[in-house]
Amino acid sequence: MKFISIITLCAITSAHEITQLKVPLYADPRRPAVLSCHFQMDDQKLHSVKWYRDMDEIFRYNPSQKPPIRLFNVTGIMVQGGECQIDSCMVKVMPPPVATRAAYTCEVSTEGPKFQIARQTKHMTVVAMPDLDPIISGAPKVLKPGEQIFLNCSSDYSLPPSDINWYIDNELQKPEAWQRTELSAVQPGGLRKSWRVLRLRVPATVSGALRIRCESILLVEPPVVRDTATIITVHSQTQLSKYVSNNRGIKLTANTILLIAVTWTLIEISTFMSL
């Protein structure tokens, strides 16, 4: 039992481990992502530190070799460089311009004869968040019952491109067959702008205010949602008739006042002539 305890104690005191692994949850394809691996060796001697993207090795640090750092560019990713200390290794990668999710693994191994290995893995998703809210165009301030208009909603550039939903008074509008989300040409970093048209028919019986809302959704985990809204006023036929009647009433009142004034003037002139 004492012999086993001594072996166990030696194994504990000679263990090495990765104390911290930093991998961004999201990476923007327009700028490099920095990954870092921190470890402690205790009484063990460091043999190498390796970084993997999924199953592919992308970085290796071996202090006993010249040069000690080697970079491996694999399909879809470019390794820009790295720097290692006695207890840490940092690597800088340029994410691919594609909305992908990949596993990044840091592997720390000791010198022989044991060549013990410690590993940790974290995932990174390539995403470019939109900087601006979507924009609604083509919306008038006032509509008449029975009118039909076409509205357009365009999102900001993002990766993946945003999906677009339309709402009228908080009710989701089911798109017609031709009202699919359109995409712009690919920009640097793989970013795209998206837009979708809404055909709005105003029923003859509708009046009041319509709240039109456009929502752009970036389909990542968790989803990123941005929206914008506009208000359109609809005047009913009854309201328009009242408006016209009121105008006519104002005109008739003015004509009546003018007639009274002329009549009064003629009376005054007749009175003056009779004197």
C-alpha atoms as a PDB file:
ATOM      1  CA  MET A   1       0.000   0.000   0.000  1.00  0.00           C
ATOM      2  CA  LYS A   2       2.854   2.373   0.871  1.00  0.00           C
ATOM      3  CA  PHE A   3       4.504   1.621  -2.487  1.00  0.00           C
ATOM      4  CA  ILE A   4       1.264   2.423  -4.352  1.00  0.00           C
ATOM      5  CA  SER A   5       0.859   5.651  -2.394  1.00  0.00           C
ATOM      6  CA  ILE A   6       4.402   6.740  -3.282  1.00  0.00           C
ATOM      7  CA  ILE A   7       3.754   6.053  -6.992  1.00  0.00           C
ATOM      8  CA  THR A   8       0.489   7.980  -6.867  1.00  0.00           C
ATOM      9  CA  LEU A   9       2.185  10.930  -5.170  1.00  0.00           C
ATOM     10  CA  CYS A  10       4.931  10.976  -7.797  1.00  0.00           C
ATOM     11  CA  ALA A  11       2.357  10.915 -10.590  1.00  0.00           C
ATOM     12  CA  ILE A  12       0.547  13.868  -9.060  1.00  0.00           C
ATOM     13  CA  THR A  13       3.672  15.977  -8.515  1.00  0.00           C
ATOM     14  CA  SER A  14       5.003  15.236 -11.991  1.00  0.00           C
ATOM     15  CA  ALA A  15       1.724  15.929 -13.808  1.00  0.00           C
ATOM     16  CA  HIS A  16       1.458  18.727 -16.367  1.00  0.00           C
ATOM     17  CA  GLU A  17      -1.796  20.345 -17.450  1.00  0.00           C
ATOM     18  CA  ILE A  18      -3.403  23.027 -19.597  1.00  0.00           C
ATOM     19  CA  THR A  19      -4.628  25.696 -17.204  1.00  0.00           C
ATOM     20  CA  GLN A  20      -6.458  27.938 -19.688  1.00  0.00           C
ATOM     21  CA  LEU A  21      -7.517  27.706 -23.335  1.00  0.00           C
ATOM     22  CA  LYS A  22      -8.787  30.882 -25.039  1.00  0.00           C
ATOM     23  CA  VAL A  23     -10.610  30.470 -28.349  1.00  0.00           C
ATOM     24  CA  PRO A  24     -13.083  33.177 -29.497  1.00  0.00           C
ATOM     25  CA  LEU A  25     -16.661  31.959 -29.661  1.00  0.00           C
ATOM     26  CA  TYR A  26     -17.160  34.060 -32.818  1.00  0.00           C
ATOM     27  CA  ALA A  27     -14.500  35.154 -35.312  1.00  0.00           C
ATOM     28  CA  ASP A  28     -14.895  37.923 -37.892  1.00  0.00           C
ATOM     29  CA  PRO A  29     -13.449  36.886 -41.298  1.00  0.00           C
ATOM     30  CA  ARG A  30     -12.252  40.467 -41.873  1.00  0.00           C
ATOM     31  CA  ARG A  31      -9.711  40.357 -39.036  1.00  0.00           C
ATOM     32  CA  PRO A  32      -7.416  37.747 -37.474  1.00  0.00           C
ATOM     33  CA  ALA A  33      -8.482  35.695 -34.467  1.00  0.00           C
ATOM     34  CA  VAL A  34      -6.073  35.194 -31.558  1.00  0.00           C
ATOM     35  CA  LEU A  35      -5.975  31.805 -29.819  1.00  0.00           C
ATOM     36  CA  SER A  36      -3.942  31.176 -26.675  1.00  0.00           C
ATOM     37  CA  CYS A  37      -3.037  28.122 -24.617  1.00  0.00           C
ATOM     38  CA  HIS A  38      -1.661  28.410 -21.055  1.00  0.00           C
ATOM     39  CA  PHE A  39      -0.099  25.438 -19.275  1.00  0.00           C
ATOM     40  CA  GLN A  40       2.072  24.399 -16.365  1.00  0.00           C
ATOM     41  CA  MET A  41       4.784  21.772 -16.585  1.00  0.00           C
ATOM     42  CA  ASP A  42       5.710  21.293 -12.917  1.00  0.00           C
ATOM     43  CA  ASP A  43       8.936  19.247 -13.001  1.00  0.00           C
ATOM     44  CA  GLN A  44       8.406  17.990 -16.564  1.00  0.00           C
ATOM     45  CA  LYS A  45      10.319  19.308 -19.576  1.00  0.00           C
ATOM     46  CA  LEU A  46       8.329  20.683 -22.489  1.00  0.00           C
ATOM     47  CA  HIS A  47       8.692  18.751 -25.712  1.00  0.00           C
ATOM     48  CA  SER A  48       6.178  20.529 -27.979  1.00  0.00           C
ATOM     49  CA  VAL A  49       2.983  22.535 -28.247  1.00  0.00           C
ATOM     50  CA  LYS A  50       0.708  21.817 -31.216  1.00  0.00           C
ATOM     51  CA  TRP A  51      -2.453  23.485 -32.436  1.00  0.00           C
ATOM     52  CA  TYR A  52      -5.054  21.656 -34.531  1.00  0.00           C
ATOM     53  CA  ARG A  53      -8.042  22.871 -36.521  1.00  0.00           C
ATOM     54  CA  ASP A  54     -10.365  19.883 -36.466  1.00  0.00           C
ATOM     55  CA  MET A  55      -7.951  17.064 -37.440  1.00  0.00           C
ATOM     56  CA  ASP A  56      -5.349  19.234 -39.218  1.00  0.00           C
ATOM     57  CA  GLU A  57      -2.218  20.503 -37.504  1.00  0.00           C
ATOM     58  CA  ILE A  58      -1.795  24.240 -38.087  1.00  0.00           C
ATOM     59  CA  PHE A  59       0.961  25.224 -35.597  1.00  0.00           C
ATOM     60  CA  ARG A  60       3.887  23.551 -33.849  1.00  0.00           C
ATOM     61  CA  TYR A  61       6.319  24.829 -31.212  1.00  0.00           C
ATOM     62  CA  ASN A  62       9.342  22.666 -30.421  1.00  0.00           C
ATOM     63  CA  PRO A  63      11.948  24.540 -28.332  1.00  0.00           C
ATOM     64  CA  SER A  64      14.697  22.025 -29.181  1.00  0.00           C
ATOM     65  CA  GLN A  65      14.443  22.623 -32.934  1.00  0.00           C
ATOM     66  CA  LYS A  66      15.605  25.471 -35.172  1.00  0.00           C
ATOM     67  CA  PRO A  67      13.465  27.340 -35.938  1.00  0.00           C
ATOM     68  CA  PRO A  68      11.305  26.381 -32.968  1.00  0.00           C
ATOM     69  CA  ILE A  69       8.011  27.458 -34.617  1.00  0.00           C
ATOM     70  CA  ARG A  70       6.445  25.947 -37.731  1.00  0.00           C
ATOM     71  CA  LEU A  71       3.208  27.068 -39.385  1.00  0.00           C
ATOM     72  CA  PHE A  72       0.940  24.844 -41.468  1.00  0.00           C
ATOM     73  CA  ASN A  73      -1.644  26.489 -43.693  1.00  0.00           C
ATOM     74  CA  VAL A  74      -4.553  24.188 -44.436  1.00  0.00           C
ATOM     75  CA  THR A  75      -7.513  24.529 -46.770  1.00  0.00           C
ATOM     76  CA  GLY A  76      -9.739  27.432 -45.807  1.00  0.00           C
ATOM     77  CA  ILE A  77      -7.507  29.007 -43.158  1.00  0.00           C
ATOM     78  CA  MET A  78      -4.266  31.006 -43.053  1.00  0.00           C
ATOM     79  CA  VAL A  79      -1.993  30.940 -40.007  1.00  0.00           C
ATOM     80  CA  GLN A  80      -0.414  34.374 -39.663  1.00  0.00           C
ATOM     81  CA  GLY A  81       2.022  33.643 -36.868  1.00  0.00           C
ATOM     82  CA  GLY A  82       2.532  32.656 -33.274  1.00  0.00           C
ATOM     83  CA  GLU A  83       4.545  33.282 -30.134  1.00  0.00           C
ATOM     84  CA  CYS A  84       5.409  30.936 -27.257  1.00  0.00           C
ATOM     85  CA  GLN A  85       6.714  31.405 -23.728  1.00  0.00           C
ATOM     86  CA  ILE A  86       7.709  28.960 -21.026  1.00  0.00           C
ATOM     87  CA  ASP A  87       4.076  28.540 -19.966  1.00  0.00           C
ATOM     88  CA  SER A  88       1.961  29.636 -22.932  1.00  0.00           C
ATOM     89  CA  CYS A  89       1.592  29.580 -26.702  1.00  0.00           C
ATOM     90  CA  MET A  90      -0.377  32.052 -28.842  1.00  0.00           C
ATOM     91  CA  VAL A  91      -1.353  31.617 -32.476  1.00  0.00           C
ATOM     92  CA  LYS A  92      -3.001  34.086 -34.843  1.00  0.00           C
ATOM     93  CA  VAL A  93      -5.245  32.782 -37.637  1.00  0.00           C
ATOM     94  CA  MET A  94      -7.266  34.431 -40.394  1.00  0.00           C
ATOM     95  CA  PRO A  95     -10.706  32.752 -40.455  1.00  0.00           C
ATOM     96  CA  PRO A  96     -12.051  31.582 -43.815  1.00  0.00           C
ATOM     97  CA  PRO A  97     -14.709  33.820 -45.463  1.00  0.00           C
ATOM     98  CA  VAL A  98     -17.336  31.120 -44.954  1.00  0.00           C
ATOM     99  CA  ALA A  99     -19.816  30.697 -42.115  1.00  0.00           C
ATOM    100  CA  THR A 100     -18.251  27.599 -40.557  1.00  0.00           C
ATOM    101  CA  ARG A 101     -17.761  26.115 -37.102  1.00  0.00           C
ATOM    102  CA  ALA A 102     -14.482  24.371 -36.338  1.00  0.00           C
ATOM    103  CA  ALA A 103     -12.775  22.757 -33.340  1.00  0.00           C
ATOM    104  CA  TYR A 104      -9.414  24.188 -32.216  1.00  0.00           C
ATOM    105  CA  THR A 105      -7.259  21.951 -30.037  1.00  0.00           C
ATOM    106  CA  CYS A 106      -4.131  22.743 -28.031  1.00  0.00           C
ATOM    107  CA  GLU A 107      -1.858  19.781 -27.333  1.00  0.00           C
ATOM    108  CA  VAL A 108       1.037  20.018 -24.860  1.00  0.00           C
ATOM    109  CA  SER A 109       3.494  17.113 -24.606  1.00  0.00           C
ATOM    110  CA  THR A 110       6.455  16.385 -22.337  1.00  0.00           C
ATOM    111  CA  GLU A 111       9.885  15.052 -23.224  1.00  0.00           C
ATOM    112  CA  GLY A 112      10.627  11.320 -23.214  1.00  0.00           C
ATOM    113  CA  PRO A 113      10.689   8.711 -22.132  1.00  0.00           C
ATOM    114  CA  LYS A 114       7.041   9.262 -21.060  1.00  0.00           C
ATOM    115  CA  PHE A 115       5.931  11.799 -23.705  1.00  0.00           C
ATOM    116  CA  GLN A 116       2.818  12.608 -21.701  1.00  0.00           C
ATOM    117  CA  ILE A 117       0.135  14.591 -23.544  1.00  0.00           C
ATOM    118  CA  ALA A 118      -2.480  17.079 -22.331  1.00  0.00           C
ATOM    119  CA  ARG A 119      -5.217  18.337 -24.683  1.00  0.00           C
ATOM    120  CA  GLN A 120      -8.097  20.799 -24.609  1.00  0.00           C
ATOM    121  CA  THR A 121     -10.548  21.733 -27.365  1.00  0.00           C
ATOM    122  CA  LYS A 122     -12.914  24.642 -27.980  1.00  0.00           C
ATOM    123  CA  HIS A 123     -15.069  25.607 -30.964  1.00  0.00           C
ATOM    124  CA  MET A 124     -15.009  28.810 -32.977  1.00  0.00           C
ATOM    125  CA  THR A 125     -17.701  29.966 -35.423  1.00  0.00           C
ATOM    126  CA  VAL A 126     -16.948  32.351 -38.275  1.00  0.00           C
ATOM    127  CA  VAL A 127     -19.507  35.180 -38.124  1.00  0.00           C
ATOM    128  CA  ALA A 128     -19.597  38.825 -39.225  1.00  0.00           C
ATOM    129  CA  MET A 129     -22.248  40.694 -37.248  1.00  0.00           C
ATOM    130  CA  PRO A 130     -24.303  43.438 -38.951  1.00  0.00           C
ATOM    131  CA  ASP A 131     -23.375  46.921 -37.746  1.00  0.00           C
ATOM    132  CA  LEU A 132     -26.681  48.604 -38.667  1.00  0.00           C
ATOM    133  CA  ASP A 133     -30.411  47.984 -38.356  1.00  0.00           C
ATOM    134  CA  PRO A 134     -32.310  47.031 -41.536  1.00  0.00           C
ATOM    135  CA  ILE A 135     -33.794  49.830 -43.686  1.00  0.00           C
ATOM    136  CA  ILE A 136     -37.384  50.027 -44.993  1.00  0.00           C
ATOM    137  CA  SER A 137     -37.871  51.935 -48.244  1.00  0.00           C
ATOM    138  CA  GLY A 138     -40.953  52.792 -50.308  1.00  0.00           C
ATOM    139  CA  ALA A 139     -43.268  53.430 -47.339  1.00  0.00           C
ATOM    140  CA  PRO A 140     -45.622  56.452 -47.706  1.00  0.00           C
ATOM    141  CA  LYS A 141     -47.024  58.297 -44.702  1.00  0.00           C
ATOM    142  CA  VAL A 142     -50.666  58.002 -45.836  1.00  0.00           C
ATOM    143  CA  LEU A 143     -52.603  55.410 -47.864  1.00  0.00           C
ATOM    144  CA  LYS A 144     -56.160  55.146 -49.128  1.00  0.00           C
ATOM    145  CA  PRO A 145     -58.256  51.971 -48.736  1.00  0.00           C
ATOM    146  CA  GLY A 146     -57.848  49.693 -51.738  1.00  0.00           C
ATOM    147  CA  GLU A 147     -54.343  50.949 -52.585  1.00  0.00           C
ATOM    148  CA  GLN A 148     -51.422  48.595 -53.182  1.00  0.00           C
ATOM    149  CA  ILE A 149     -47.756  49.393 -52.552  1.00  0.00           C
ATOM    150  CA  PHE A 150     -44.430  47.545 -52.589  1.00  0.00           C
ATOM    151  CA  LEU A 151     -42.028  47.925 -49.685  1.00  0.00           C
ATOM    152  CA  ASN A 152     -38.405  46.829 -49.552  1.00  0.00           C
ATOM    153  CA  CYS A 153     -36.329  45.866 -46.516  1.00  0.00           C
ATOM    154  CA  SER A 154     -32.551  45.629 -46.831  1.00  0.00           C
ATOM    155  CA  SER A 155     -30.171  44.345 -44.170  1.00  0.00           C
ATOM    156  CA  ASP A 156     -26.608  45.359 -43.408  1.00  0.00           C
ATOM    157  CA  TYR A 157     -23.673  43.265 -44.668  1.00  0.00           C
ATOM    158  CA  SER A 158     -23.086  40.113 -42.597  1.00  0.00           C
ATOM    159  CA  LEU A 159     -21.828  36.534 -42.665  1.00  0.00           C
ATOM    160  CA  PRO A 160     -23.883  34.444 -42.983  1.00  0.00           C
ATOM    161  CA  PRO A 161     -26.299  36.764 -44.813  1.00  0.00           C
ATOM    162  CA  SER A 162     -29.356  37.739 -42.786  1.00  0.00           C
ATOM    163  CA  ASP A 163     -32.772  36.241 -43.356  1.00  0.00           C
ATOM    164  CA  ILE A 164     -35.654  38.769 -43.472  1.00  0.00           C
ATOM    165  CA  ASN A 165     -39.179  38.643 -42.053  1.00  0.00           C
ATOM    166  CA  TRP A 166     -42.020  41.152 -42.427  1.00  0.00           C
ATOM    167  CA  TYR A 167     -44.632  41.912 -39.768  1.00  0.00           C
ATOM    168  CA  ILE A 168     -47.845  43.963 -39.972  1.00  0.00           C
ATOM    169  CA  ASP A 169     -49.174  44.881 -36.521  1.00  0.00           C
ATOM    170  CA  ASN A 170     -46.917  42.136 -35.066  1.00  0.00           C
ATOM    171  CA  GLU A 171     -48.387  39.480 -37.364  1.00  0.00           C
ATOM    172  CA  LEU A 172     -45.783  37.569 -39.374  1.00  0.00           C
ATOM    173  CA  GLN A 173     -46.412  37.908 -43.122  1.00  0.00           C
ATOM    174  CA  LYS A 174     -46.149  34.695 -45.103  1.00  0.00           C
ATOM    175  CA  PRO A 175     -44.076  35.455 -48.219  1.00  0.00           C
ATOM    176  CA  GLU A 176     -45.519  34.977 -51.662  1.00  0.00           C
ATOM    177  CA  ALA A 177     -43.715  32.590 -54.019  1.00  0.00           C
ATOM    178  CA  TRP A 178     -41.741  35.400 -55.660  1.00  0.00           C
ATOM    179  CA  GLN A 179     -40.954  37.238 -52.406  1.00  0.00           C
ATOM    180  CA  ARG A 180     -37.809  35.358 -51.479  1.00  0.00           C
ATOM    181  CA  THR A 181     -34.811  36.902 -49.767  1.00  0.00           C
ATOM    182  CA  GLU A 182     -32.322  38.199 -52.348  1.00  0.00           C
ATOM    183  CA  LEU A 183     -28.563  38.449 -51.820  1.00  0.00           C
ATOM    184  CA  SER A 184     -25.978  40.942 -53.020  1.00  0.00           C
ATOM    185  CA  ALA A 185     -22.628  40.048 -54.564  1.00  0.00           C
ATOM    186  CA  VAL A 186     -19.978  38.721 -52.180  1.00  0.00           C
ATOM    187  CA  GLN A 187     -17.869  41.408 -50.500  1.00  0.00           C
ATOM    188  CA  PRO A 188     -14.407  41.038 -48.892  1.00  0.00           C
ATOM    189  CA  GLY A 189     -14.580  38.529 -46.065  1.00  0.00           C
ATOM    190  CA  GLY A 190     -17.525  36.734 -47.675  1.00  0.00           C
ATOM    191  CA  LEU A 191     -20.060  39.294 -46.432  1.00  0.00           C
ATOM    192  CA  ARG A 192     -23.389  39.840 -48.207  1.00  0.00           C
ATOM    193  CA  LYS A 193     -26.340  42.194 -47.943  1.00  0.00           C
ATOM    194  CA  SER A 194     -29.864  40.771 -48.191  1.00  0.00           C
ATOM    195  CA  TRP A 195     -33.268  42.253 -49.013  1.00  0.00           C
ATOM    196  CA  ARG A 196     -36.892  41.195 -49.431  1.00  0.00           C
ATOM    197  CA  VAL A 197     -39.962  42.855 -50.941  1.00  0.00           C
ATOM    198  CA  LEU A 198     -43.397  43.036 -49.318  1.00  0.00           C
ATOM    199  CA  ARG A 199     -46.561  43.619 -51.354  1.00  0.00           C
ATOM    200  CA  LEU A 200     -49.038  45.471 -49.159  1.00  0.00           C
ATOM    201  CA  ARG A 201     -52.698  45.543 -50.207  1.00  0.00           C
ATOM    202  CA  VAL A 202     -54.918  47.786 -48.088  1.00  0.00           C
ATOM    203  CA  PRO A 203     -58.457  46.350 -47.791  1.00  0.00           C
ATOM    204  CA  ALA A 204     -61.319  48.738 -48.469  1.00  0.00           C
ATOM    205  CA  THR A 205     -62.596  48.330 -44.913  1.00  0.00           C
ATOM    206  CA  VAL A 206     -59.309  49.129 -43.156  1.00  0.00           C
ATOM    207  CA  SER A 207     -58.656  52.473 -41.499  1.00  0.00           C
ATOM    208  CA  GLY A 208     -56.309  53.797 -38.846  1.00  0.00           C
ATOM    209  CA  ALA A 209     -52.583  53.137 -38.439  1.00  0.00           C
ATOM    210  CA  LEU A 210     -50.595  50.149 -39.688  1.00  0.00           C
ATOM    211  CA  ARG A 211     -47.299  49.293 -37.987  1.00  0.00           C
ATOM    212  CA  ILE A 212     -44.942  47.754 -40.532  1.00  0.00           C
ATOM    213  CA  ARG A 213     -41.865  46.046 -39.082  1.00  0.00           C
ATOM    214  CA  CYS A 214     -38.902  44.454 -40.824  1.00  0.00           C
ATOM    215  CA  GLU A 215     -36.721  41.954 -38.979  1.00  0.00           C
ATOM    216  CA  SER A 216     -33.276  40.727 -40.073  1.00  0.00           C
ATOM    217  CA  ILE A 217     -32.071  37.497 -38.459  1.00  0.00           C
ATOM    218  CA  LEU A 218     -28.524  36.168 -38.394  1.00  0.00           C
ATOM    219  CA  LEU A 219     -28.940  32.396 -38.040  1.00  0.00           C
ATOM    220  CA  VAL A 220     -26.214  31.615 -35.499  1.00  0.00           C
ATOM    221  CA  GLU A 221     -26.382  30.285 -31.930  1.00  0.00           C
ATOM    222  CA  PRO A 222     -27.953  32.258 -30.361  1.00  0.00           C
ATOM    223  CA  PRO A 223     -29.629  34.107 -33.294  1.00  0.00           C
ATOM    224  CA  VAL A 224     -28.806  37.805 -33.749  1.00  0.00           C
ATOM    225  CA  VAL A 225     -31.930  39.866 -34.476  1.00  0.00           C
ATOM    226  CA  ARG A 226     -32.142  43.508 -35.582  1.00  0.00           C
ATOM    227  CA  ASP A 227     -35.305  45.284 -36.694  1.00  0.00           C
ATOM    228  CA  THR A 228     -36.855  48.573 -37.748  1.00  0.00           C
ATOM    229  CA  ALA A 229     -40.463  49.786 -38.037  1.00  0.00           C
ATOM    230  CA  THR A 230     -42.565  52.461 -39.726  1.00  0.00           C
ATOM    231  CA  ILE A 231     -46.169  53.675 -39.310  1.00  0.00           C
ATOM    232  CA  ILE A 232     -48.538  54.110 -42.275  1.00  0.00           C
ATOM    233  CA  THR A 233     -51.873  55.915 -41.777  1.00  0.00           C
ATOM    234  CA  VAL A 234     -54.909  54.644 -43.719  1.00  0.00           C
ATOM    235  CA  HIS A 235     -57.857  57.059 -44.264  1.00  0.00           C
ATOM    236  CA  SER A 236     -61.213  55.316 -44.766  1.00  0.00           C
ATOM    237  CA  GLN A 237     -63.739  56.468 -47.385  1.00  0.00           C
ATOM    238  CA  THR A 238     -65.951  57.746 -44.573  1.00  0.00           C
ATOM    239  CA  GLN A 239     -63.133  59.814 -43.152  1.00  0.00           C
ATOM    240  CA  LEU A 240     -62.347  61.201 -46.597  1.00  0.00           C
ATOM    241  CA  SER A 241     -66.030  62.097 -47.160  1.00  0.00           C
ATOM    242  CA  LYS A 242     -66.140  63.941 -43.860  1.00  0.00           C
ATOM    243  CA  TYR A 243     -62.960  65.756 -44.778  1.00  0.00           C
ATOM    244  CA  VAL A 244     -64.429  66.824 -48.134  1.00  0.00           C
ATOM    245  CA  SER A 245     -67.751  67.799 -46.503  1.00  0.00           C
ATOM    246  CA  ASN A 246     -65.969  69.931 -43.953  1.00  0.00           C
ATOM    247  CA  ASN A 247     -64.100  71.714 -46.712  1.00  0.00           C
ATOM    248  CA  ARG A 248     -67.333  72.348 -48.565  1.00  0.00           C
ATOM    249  CA  GLY A 249     -68.913  73.586 -45.380  1.00  0.00           C
ATOM    250  CA  ILE A 250     -66.116  76.059 -44.921  1.00  0.00           C
ATOM    251  CA  LYS A 251     -66.527  77.287 -48.500  1.00  0.00           C
ATOM    252  CA  LEU A 252     -70.335  77.690 -48.097  1.00  0.00           C
ATOM    253  CA  THR A 253     -69.874  79.645 -44.889  1.00  0.00           C
ATOM    254  CA  ALA A 254     -67.446  81.975 -46.608  1.00  0.00           C
ATOM    255  CA  ASN A 255     -69.823  82.512 -49.539  1.00  0.00           C
ATOM    256  CA  THR A 256     -72.682  83.246 -47.146  1.00  0.00           C
ATOM    257  CA  ILE A 257     -70.578  85.809 -45.291  1.00  0.00           C
ATOM    258  CA  LEU A 258     -69.647  87.459 -48.600  1.00  0.00           C
ATOM    259  CA  LEU A 259     -73.329  87.606 -49.674  1.00  0.00           C
ATOM    260  CA  ILE A 260     -74.323  89.170 -46.364  1.00  0.00           C
ATOM    261  CA  ALA A 261     -71.574  91.749 -46.693  1.00  0.00           C
ATOM    262  CA  VAL A 262     -72.624  92.718 -50.233  1.00  0.00           C
ATOM    263  CA  THR A 263     -76.284  92.935 -49.242  1.00  0.00           C
ATOM    264  CA  TRP A 264     -75.454  95.093 -46.249  1.00  0.00           C
ATOM    265  CA  THR A 265     -73.340  97.374 -48.444  1.00  0.00           C
ATOM    266  CA  LEU A 266     -76.199  97.802 -50.966  1.00  0.00           C
ATOM    267  CA  ILE A 267     -78.623  98.617 -48.157  1.00  0.00           C
ATOM    268  CA  GLU A 268     -76.280 101.234 -46.791  1.00  0.00           C
ATOM    269  CA  ILE A 269     -75.856 102.805 -50.235  1.00  0.00           C
ATOM    270  CA  SER A 270     -79.644 102.920 -50.799  1.00  0.00           C
ATOM    271  CA  THR A 271     -80.139 104.558 -47.396  1.00  0.00           C
ATOM    272  CA  PHE A 272     -77.490 107.156 -48.178  1.00  0.00           C
ATOM    273  CA  MET A 273     -79.064 107.994 -51.607  1.00  0.00           C
ATOM    274  CA  SER A 274     -82.521 108.461 -50.083  1.00  0.00           C
ATOM    275  CA  LEU A 275     -81.279 111.185 -47.733  1.00  0.00           C
END
